[in-house]
Amino acid sequence: MLTMAPDGVIALPKTQLSCPASLCKKPDSPQEELAPSLLASAGVTAAWAQKSQRCSYCGLVYTSDGDARTIRGYFNNPVFPEGWRPIYV
């Protein structure tokens, strides 16, 4: 069942992972599995967007593959304007 987070993000059930962002002030905050349609509505159509997670505190979006996590960007981060902000590495 989809739920709506306080910031308006519709998300799938929360996971127990911690945020991989080194600057996140609450790394143990709930992590959400994002509904692919949310990122698609922001113009993200990459295959990884089908299974991405988001920190409910800082908005970091990342993917997990076993123990490895790849940071993809921010979605509705409280510091940046709303929407998708990719990270280029």
N, C-alpha and C. Protein backbone atom coordinates (compact mmCIF):
# COMPACT_ATOMS: atom_id res chain seq x y z
N MET A 1 0.84 -1.18 0.00
CA MET A 1 0.00 0.00 0.00
C MET A 1 0.88 1.25 0.00
N LEU A 2 0.57 2.21 -0.84
CA LEU A 2 1.33 3.45 -0.88
C LEU A 2 0.91 4.37 0.25
N THR A 3 1.90 5.09 0.80
CA THR A 3 1.63 6.04 1.87
C THR A 3 2.20 7.39 1.47
N MET A 4 1.71 8.46 2.07
CA MET A 4 2.24 9.78 1.78
C MET A 4 3.05 10.26 2.98
N ALA A 5 4.32 10.60 2.71
CA ALA A 5 5.21 11.10 3.75
C ALA A 5 4.83 12.54 4.07
N PRO A 6 5.30 13.07 5.22
CA PRO A 6 4.96 14.45 5.59
C PRO A 6 5.34 15.49 4.54
N ASP A 7 6.38 15.23 3.73
CA ASP A 7 6.77 16.20 2.71
C ASP A 7 6.02 16.03 1.40
N GLY A 8 5.01 15.14 1.40
CA GLY A 8 4.19 14.96 0.21
C GLY A 8 4.68 13.89 -0.73
N VAL A 9 5.76 13.21 -0.40
CA VAL A 9 6.28 12.14 -1.25
C VAL A 9 5.47 10.87 -1.01
N ILE A 10 4.96 10.32 -2.08
CA ILE A 10 4.26 9.04 -1.96
C ILE A 10 5.31 7.96 -2.03
N ALA A 11 5.36 7.12 -1.03
CA ALA A 11 6.43 6.13 -0.95
C ALA A 11 5.89 4.76 -0.60
N LEU A 12 6.69 3.76 -0.93
CA LEU A 12 6.39 2.39 -0.53
C LEU A 12 6.85 2.22 0.92
N PRO A 13 6.66 1.05 1.51
CA PRO A 13 7.03 0.87 2.92
C PRO A 13 8.49 1.24 3.21
N LYS A 14 8.74 1.69 4.44
CA LYS A 14 10.07 2.10 4.86
C LYS A 14 10.97 0.89 5.06
N THR A 15 12.28 1.10 4.85
CA THR A 15 13.24 0.03 5.04
C THR A 15 14.09 0.33 6.27
N GLN A 16 14.95 -0.59 6.64
CA GLN A 16 15.78 -0.43 7.83
C GLN A 16 17.19 0.06 7.53
N LEU A 17 17.52 0.35 6.28
CA LEU A 17 18.85 0.84 5.95
C LEU A 17 19.07 2.23 6.51
N SER A 18 20.33 2.62 6.67
CA SER A 18 20.63 3.98 7.08
C SER A 18 21.04 4.79 5.85
N CYS A 19 20.97 6.09 5.96
CA CYS A 19 21.29 6.98 4.84
C CYS A 19 22.78 6.89 4.52
N PRO A 20 23.14 6.75 3.24
CA PRO A 20 24.57 6.68 2.87
C PRO A 20 25.24 8.04 2.75
N ALA A 21 24.50 9.14 2.89
CA ALA A 21 25.09 10.47 2.76
C ALA A 21 25.93 10.79 3.99
N SER A 22 27.18 11.15 3.76
CA SER A 22 28.08 11.44 4.89
C SER A 22 27.67 12.72 5.63
N LEU A 23 26.95 13.61 4.97
CA LEU A 23 26.55 14.87 5.61
C LEU A 23 25.13 14.84 6.19
N CYS A 24 24.44 13.72 6.10
CA CYS A 24 23.08 13.63 6.63
C CYS A 24 23.14 13.74 8.15
N LYS A 25 22.34 14.64 8.70
CA LYS A 25 22.35 14.87 10.15
C LYS A 25 21.57 13.81 10.92
N LYS A 26 20.76 13.02 10.21
CA LYS A 26 20.00 11.94 10.85
C LYS A 26 20.13 10.67 10.01
N PRO A 27 21.33 10.07 9.98
CA PRO A 27 21.54 8.91 9.11
C PRO A 27 20.67 7.71 9.46
N ASP A 28 20.13 7.67 10.67
CA ASP A 28 19.27 6.54 11.05
C ASP A 28 17.79 6.85 10.86
N SER A 29 17.48 7.93 10.14
CA SER A 29 16.08 8.24 9.87
C SER A 29 15.50 7.20 8.91
N PRO A 30 14.20 7.05 8.87
CA PRO A 30 13.59 6.04 7.99
C PRO A 30 13.97 6.25 6.53
N GLN A 31 14.24 5.15 5.85
CA GLN A 31 14.54 5.16 4.43
C GLN A 31 13.30 4.65 3.70
N GLU A 32 12.94 5.32 2.60
CA GLU A 32 11.71 4.97 1.88
C GLU A 32 12.06 4.39 0.52
N GLU A 33 11.31 3.39 0.10
CA GLU A 33 11.40 2.91 -1.27
C GLU A 33 10.48 3.81 -2.10
N LEU A 34 11.06 4.52 -3.05
CA LEU A 34 10.26 5.45 -3.86
C LEU A 34 9.45 4.71 -4.91
N ALA A 35 8.24 5.16 -5.10
CA ALA A 35 7.43 4.64 -6.21
C ALA A 35 8.06 5.14 -7.50
N PRO A 36 8.33 4.27 -8.47
CA PRO A 36 8.97 4.69 -9.73
C PRO A 36 8.24 5.84 -10.43
N SER A 37 6.95 5.93 -10.26
CA SER A 37 6.18 6.98 -10.92
C SER A 37 6.56 8.38 -10.40
N LEU A 38 7.04 8.47 -9.16
CA LEU A 38 7.46 9.78 -8.63
C LEU A 38 8.67 10.31 -9.37
N LEU A 39 9.68 9.48 -9.52
CA LEU A 39 10.86 9.93 -10.25
C LEU A 39 10.55 10.13 -11.73
N ALA A 40 9.68 9.30 -12.29
CA ALA A 40 9.29 9.46 -13.69
C ALA A 40 8.60 10.81 -13.90
N SER A 41 7.80 11.23 -12.92
CA SER A 41 7.12 12.53 -13.04
C SER A 41 8.11 13.68 -12.97
N ALA A 42 9.32 13.42 -12.42
CA ALA A 42 10.36 14.44 -12.36
C ALA A 42 11.32 14.32 -13.54
N GLY A 43 11.03 13.41 -14.49
CA GLY A 43 11.83 13.28 -15.69
C GLY A 43 12.92 12.22 -15.61
N VAL A 44 12.94 11.42 -14.53
CA VAL A 44 13.95 10.37 -14.39
C VAL A 44 13.38 9.08 -14.94
N THR A 45 13.95 8.61 -16.03
CA THR A 45 13.43 7.39 -16.66
C THR A 45 14.46 6.27 -16.72
N ALA A 46 15.58 6.44 -16.04
CA ALA A 46 16.63 5.41 -16.04
C ALA A 46 16.13 4.13 -15.38
N ALA A 47 16.72 3.01 -15.76
CA ALA A 47 16.30 1.72 -15.21
C ALA A 47 16.46 1.64 -13.70
N TRP A 48 17.48 2.31 -13.16
CA TRP A 48 17.69 2.24 -11.71
C TRP A 48 16.54 2.85 -10.91
N ALA A 49 15.78 3.75 -11.53
CA ALA A 49 14.68 4.42 -10.83
C ALA A 49 13.56 3.46 -10.45
N GLN A 50 13.56 2.26 -11.02
CA GLN A 50 12.53 1.27 -10.67
C GLN A 50 12.72 0.72 -9.27
N LYS A 51 13.94 0.80 -8.74
CA LYS A 51 14.22 0.27 -7.40
C LYS A 51 15.14 1.23 -6.66
N SER A 52 14.63 2.39 -6.32
CA SER A 52 15.45 3.36 -5.61
C SER A 52 14.88 3.62 -4.23
N GLN A 53 15.74 4.13 -3.37
CA GLN A 53 15.35 4.45 -2.00
C GLN A 53 15.68 5.90 -1.73
N ARG A 54 15.01 6.47 -0.72
CA ARG A 54 15.18 7.89 -0.39
C ARG A 54 15.22 8.05 1.12
N CYS A 55 16.17 8.87 1.58
CA CYS A 55 16.24 9.20 3.00
C CYS A 55 15.10 10.16 3.32
N SER A 56 14.31 9.84 4.32
CA SER A 56 13.17 10.70 4.66
C SER A 56 13.61 12.01 5.30
N TYR A 57 14.85 12.12 5.74
CA TYR A 57 15.33 13.36 6.35
C TYR A 57 15.98 14.30 5.32
N CYS A 58 17.00 13.79 4.60
CA CYS A 58 17.74 14.69 3.70
C CYS A 58 17.31 14.61 2.24
N GLY A 59 16.52 13.60 1.87
CA GLY A 59 16.02 13.49 0.50
C GLY A 59 16.97 12.81 -0.46
N LEU A 60 18.09 12.26 0.02
CA LEU A 60 19.05 11.58 -0.85
C LEU A 60 18.40 10.36 -1.48
N VAL A 61 18.57 10.21 -2.79
CA VAL A 61 18.05 9.05 -3.52
C VAL A 61 19.24 8.17 -3.88
N TYR A 62 19.11 6.88 -3.62
CA TYR A 62 20.20 5.94 -3.90
C TYR A 62 19.63 4.59 -4.26
N THR A 63 20.49 3.75 -4.84
CA THR A 63 20.12 2.39 -5.17
C THR A 63 21.03 1.44 -4.40
N SER A 64 20.53 0.26 -4.12
CA SER A 64 21.30 -0.75 -3.39
C SER A 64 21.48 -1.98 -4.27
N ASP A 65 22.69 -2.50 -4.24
CA ASP A 65 23.00 -3.75 -4.93
C ASP A 65 23.84 -4.57 -3.97
N GLY A 66 23.19 -5.41 -3.19
CA GLY A 66 23.89 -6.14 -2.14
C GLY A 66 24.33 -5.16 -1.07
N ASP A 67 25.61 -5.16 -0.75
CA ASP A 67 26.14 -4.23 0.25
C ASP A 67 26.51 -2.87 -0.33
N ALA A 68 26.59 -2.78 -1.65
CA ALA A 68 26.98 -1.53 -2.30
C ALA A 68 25.76 -0.64 -2.52
N ARG A 69 25.93 0.65 -2.27
CA ARG A 69 24.86 1.62 -2.53
C ARG A 69 25.41 2.73 -3.42
N THR A 70 24.63 3.11 -4.42
CA THR A 70 25.03 4.15 -5.37
C THR A 70 24.15 5.37 -5.17
N ILE A 71 24.77 6.50 -4.90
CA ILE A 71 24.04 7.75 -4.72
C ILE A 71 23.67 8.30 -6.09
N ARG A 72 22.37 8.64 -6.27
CA ARG A 72 21.87 9.11 -7.56
C ARG A 72 21.54 10.60 -7.58
N GLY A 73 21.08 11.15 -6.45
CA GLY A 73 20.70 12.55 -6.41
C GLY A 73 19.81 12.83 -5.21
N TYR A 74 19.11 13.96 -5.27
CA TYR A 74 18.17 14.35 -4.20
C TYR A 74 16.79 14.56 -4.80
N PHE A 75 15.78 14.15 -4.05
CA PHE A 75 14.40 14.37 -4.48
C PHE A 75 13.66 15.03 -3.32
N ASN A 76 13.18 16.24 -3.56
CA ASN A 76 12.48 17.04 -2.54
C ASN A 76 13.32 17.18 -1.27
N ASN A 77 14.57 17.62 -1.48
CA ASN A 77 15.47 17.90 -0.37
C ASN A 77 15.03 19.18 0.31
N PRO A 78 15.11 19.26 1.64
CA PRO A 78 14.66 20.48 2.33
C PRO A 78 15.52 21.71 2.03
N VAL A 79 16.75 21.54 1.55
CA VAL A 79 17.63 22.67 1.27
C VAL A 79 17.45 23.18 -0.16
N PHE A 80 17.38 22.25 -1.11
CA PHE A 80 17.22 22.62 -2.52
C PHE A 80 15.75 22.85 -2.83
N PRO A 81 15.45 23.52 -3.93
CA PRO A 81 14.05 23.63 -4.34
C PRO A 81 13.47 22.23 -4.57
N GLU A 82 12.18 22.12 -4.51
CA GLU A 82 11.54 20.82 -4.70
C GLU A 82 11.84 20.27 -6.08
N GLY A 83 11.80 18.95 -6.16
CA GLY A 83 12.04 18.29 -7.43
C GLY A 83 13.29 17.45 -7.40
N TRP A 84 13.73 17.03 -8.56
CA TRP A 84 14.88 16.14 -8.72
C TRP A 84 16.16 16.93 -8.93
N ARG A 85 17.20 16.60 -8.19
CA ARG A 85 18.52 17.20 -8.32
C ARG A 85 19.54 16.07 -8.44
N PRO A 86 19.98 15.76 -9.67
CA PRO A 86 20.95 14.67 -9.83
C PRO A 86 22.32 15.03 -9.26
N ILE A 87 23.08 14.01 -8.91
CA ILE A 87 24.46 14.20 -8.48
C ILE A 87 25.34 13.62 -9.58
N TYR A 88 26.26 14.42 -10.06
CA TYR A 88 27.19 13.96 -11.08
C TYR A 88 28.53 13.69 -10.42
N VAL A 89 29.03 12.48 -10.61
CA VAL A 89 30.30 12.11 -9.98
C VAL A 89 31.36 11.95 -11.03
